Amino acid sequence: MLNDDTFPDGTHVKKGSLVAYSPWAMGRMQYIWGSDACDFKPERWMKDGVVQLESPFKFTAFQVGKYLNFTSHFMS
């Protein structure tokens, strides 16, 4: 970090700290996805046969920005 900062959840981070995250781990967090977070369940994104897209900030497998999931336009 170049300067002291505060994350949206209130976590304070001091200047000089190394901040990293793991998309692999975030995609398996039970408190985000439920007790079946590690199960392959495409239906978790379906409601009445329609794909319900999650925020790219919540599901980071395809990251956020210029290279968003290129298949998302096929699903709508």
C-alpha atoms as a PDB file:
ATOM      1  CA  MET A   1       0.000   0.000   0.000  1.00  0.00           C
ATOM      2  CA  LEU A   2       1.281   3.450  -0.842  1.00  0.00           C
ATOM      3  CA  ASN A   3      -0.814   5.114   1.873  1.00  0.00           C
ATOM      4  CA  ASP A   4      -2.817   4.075   4.913  1.00  0.00           C
ATOM      5  CA  ASP A   5      -6.259   2.976   3.748  1.00  0.00           C
ATOM      6  CA  THR A   6      -9.497   1.422   4.943  1.00  0.00           C
ATOM      7  CA  PHE A   7     -11.270  -1.385   3.086  1.00  0.00           C
ATOM      8  CA  PRO A   8     -15.056  -1.249   2.581  1.00  0.00           C
ATOM      9  CA  ASP A   9     -15.524  -3.723   5.465  1.00  0.00           C
ATOM     10  CA  GLY A  10     -13.692  -1.375   7.855  1.00  0.00           C
ATOM     11  CA  THR A  11     -10.333  -3.174   7.865  1.00  0.00           C
ATOM     12  CA  HIS A  12      -7.482  -0.687   8.313  1.00  0.00           C
ATOM     13  CA  VAL A  13      -4.349  -1.262   6.227  1.00  0.00           C
ATOM     14  CA  LYS A  14      -1.136   0.594   6.974  1.00  0.00           C
ATOM     15  CA  LYS A  15       1.175   2.110   4.406  1.00  0.00           C
ATOM     16  CA  GLY A  16       3.741  -0.447   3.229  1.00  0.00           C
ATOM     17  CA  SER A  17       1.502  -3.474   3.848  1.00  0.00           C
ATOM     18  CA  LEU A  18       1.284  -6.202   1.232  1.00  0.00           C
ATOM     19  CA  VAL A  19      -2.301  -6.928   0.229  1.00  0.00           C
ATOM     20  CA  ALA A  20      -3.128 -10.073  -1.746  1.00  0.00           C
ATOM     21  CA  TYR A  21      -6.208 -12.161  -2.432  1.00  0.00           C
ATOM     22  CA  SER A  22      -6.892 -15.583  -3.834  1.00  0.00           C
ATOM     23  CA  PRO A  23      -9.715 -15.927  -6.380  1.00  0.00           C
ATOM     24  CA  TRP A  24      -9.460 -19.704  -5.891  1.00  0.00           C
ATOM     25  CA  ALA A  25     -10.131 -19.385  -2.159  1.00  0.00           C
ATOM     26  CA  MET A  26     -12.813 -16.722  -2.578  1.00  0.00           C
ATOM     27  CA  GLY A  27     -14.726 -18.999  -4.938  1.00  0.00           C
ATOM     28  CA  ARG A  28     -14.866 -21.632  -2.187  1.00  0.00           C
ATOM     29  CA  MET A  29     -15.797 -19.493   0.830  1.00  0.00           C
ATOM     30  CA  GLN A  30     -18.813 -21.014   2.510  1.00  0.00           C
ATOM     31  CA  TYR A  31     -19.873 -17.749   4.116  1.00  0.00           C
ATOM     32  CA  ILE A  32     -20.271 -16.287   0.607  1.00  0.00           C
ATOM     33  CA  TRP A  33     -21.582 -19.278  -1.391  1.00  0.00           C
ATOM     34  CA  GLY A  34     -23.103 -21.580   1.224  1.00  0.00           C
ATOM     35  CA  SER A  35     -22.182 -24.981   2.637  1.00  0.00           C
ATOM     36  CA  ASP A  36     -21.990 -26.458  -0.876  1.00  0.00           C
ATOM     37  CA  ALA A  37     -19.477 -23.861  -2.097  1.00  0.00           C
ATOM     38  CA  CYS A  38     -17.079 -26.554  -3.366  1.00  0.00           C
ATOM     39  CA  ASP A  39     -19.757 -28.395  -5.345  1.00  0.00           C
ATOM     40  CA  PHE A  40     -20.110 -27.835  -9.086  1.00  0.00           C
ATOM     41  CA  LYS A  41     -23.657 -26.500  -9.264  1.00  0.00           C
ATOM     42  CA  PRO A  42     -24.354 -24.325 -12.314  1.00  0.00           C
ATOM     43  CA  GLU A  43     -27.978 -24.096 -11.178  1.00  0.00           C
ATOM     44  CA  ARG A  44     -26.901 -21.787  -8.348  1.00  0.00           C
ATOM     45  CA  TRP A  45     -26.875 -19.031 -10.992  1.00  0.00           C
ATOM     46  CA  MET A  46     -30.279 -19.966 -12.447  1.00  0.00           C
ATOM     47  CA  LYS A  47     -33.713 -18.761 -11.382  1.00  0.00           C
ATOM     48  CA  ASP A  48     -36.764 -19.928 -13.323  1.00  0.00           C
ATOM     49  CA  GLY A  49     -34.478 -21.001 -16.185  1.00  0.00           C
ATOM     50  CA  VAL A  50     -32.798 -17.579 -16.440  1.00  0.00           C
ATOM     51  CA  VAL A  51     -29.161 -16.938 -15.586  1.00  0.00           C
ATOM     52  CA  GLN A  52     -28.787 -14.610 -12.602  1.00  0.00           C
ATOM     53  CA  LEU A  53     -25.329 -13.098 -12.942  1.00  0.00           C
ATOM     54  CA  GLU A  54     -23.381 -12.339  -9.783  1.00  0.00           C
ATOM     55  CA  SER A  55     -21.387  -9.173  -9.315  1.00  0.00           C
ATOM     56  CA  PRO A  56     -17.894  -9.601 -10.788  1.00  0.00           C
ATOM     57  CA  PHE A  57     -16.661  -8.148  -7.485  1.00  0.00           C
ATOM     58  CA  LYS A  58     -18.245 -11.093  -5.615  1.00  0.00           C
ATOM     59  CA  PHE A  59     -17.289 -13.873  -8.016  1.00  0.00           C
ATOM     60  CA  THR A  60     -13.754 -13.034  -9.071  1.00  0.00           C
ATOM     61  CA  ALA A  61     -12.905 -16.057 -11.213  1.00  0.00           C
ATOM     62  CA  PHE A  62     -12.924 -13.927 -14.358  1.00  0.00           C
ATOM     63  CA  GLN A  63     -11.722 -10.794 -12.547  1.00  0.00           C
ATOM     64  CA  VAL A  64     -13.166  -7.324 -13.102  1.00  0.00           C
ATOM     65  CA  GLY A  65     -12.403  -4.822 -15.815  1.00  0.00           C
ATOM     66  CA  LYS A  66     -11.554  -4.955 -19.478  1.00  0.00           C
ATOM     67  CA  TYR A  67     -11.563  -8.757 -19.651  1.00  0.00           C
ATOM     68  CA  LEU A  68     -14.860  -9.622 -17.995  1.00  0.00           C
ATOM     69  CA  ASN A  69     -16.207 -13.109 -18.616  1.00  0.00           C
ATOM     70  CA  PHE A  70     -16.419 -13.175 -22.407  1.00  0.00           C
ATOM     71  CA  THR A  71     -19.127 -15.895 -22.289  1.00  0.00           C
ATOM     72  CA  SER A  72     -21.599 -13.823 -20.238  1.00  0.00           C
ATOM     73  CA  HIS A  73     -23.282 -12.396 -23.342  1.00  0.00           C
ATOM     74  CA  PHE A  74     -24.063 -15.947 -24.517  1.00  0.00           C
ATOM     75  CA  MET A  75     -25.991 -16.665 -21.327  1.00  0.00           C
ATOM     76  CA  SER A  76     -28.547 -13.871 -21.538  1.00  0.00           C
END
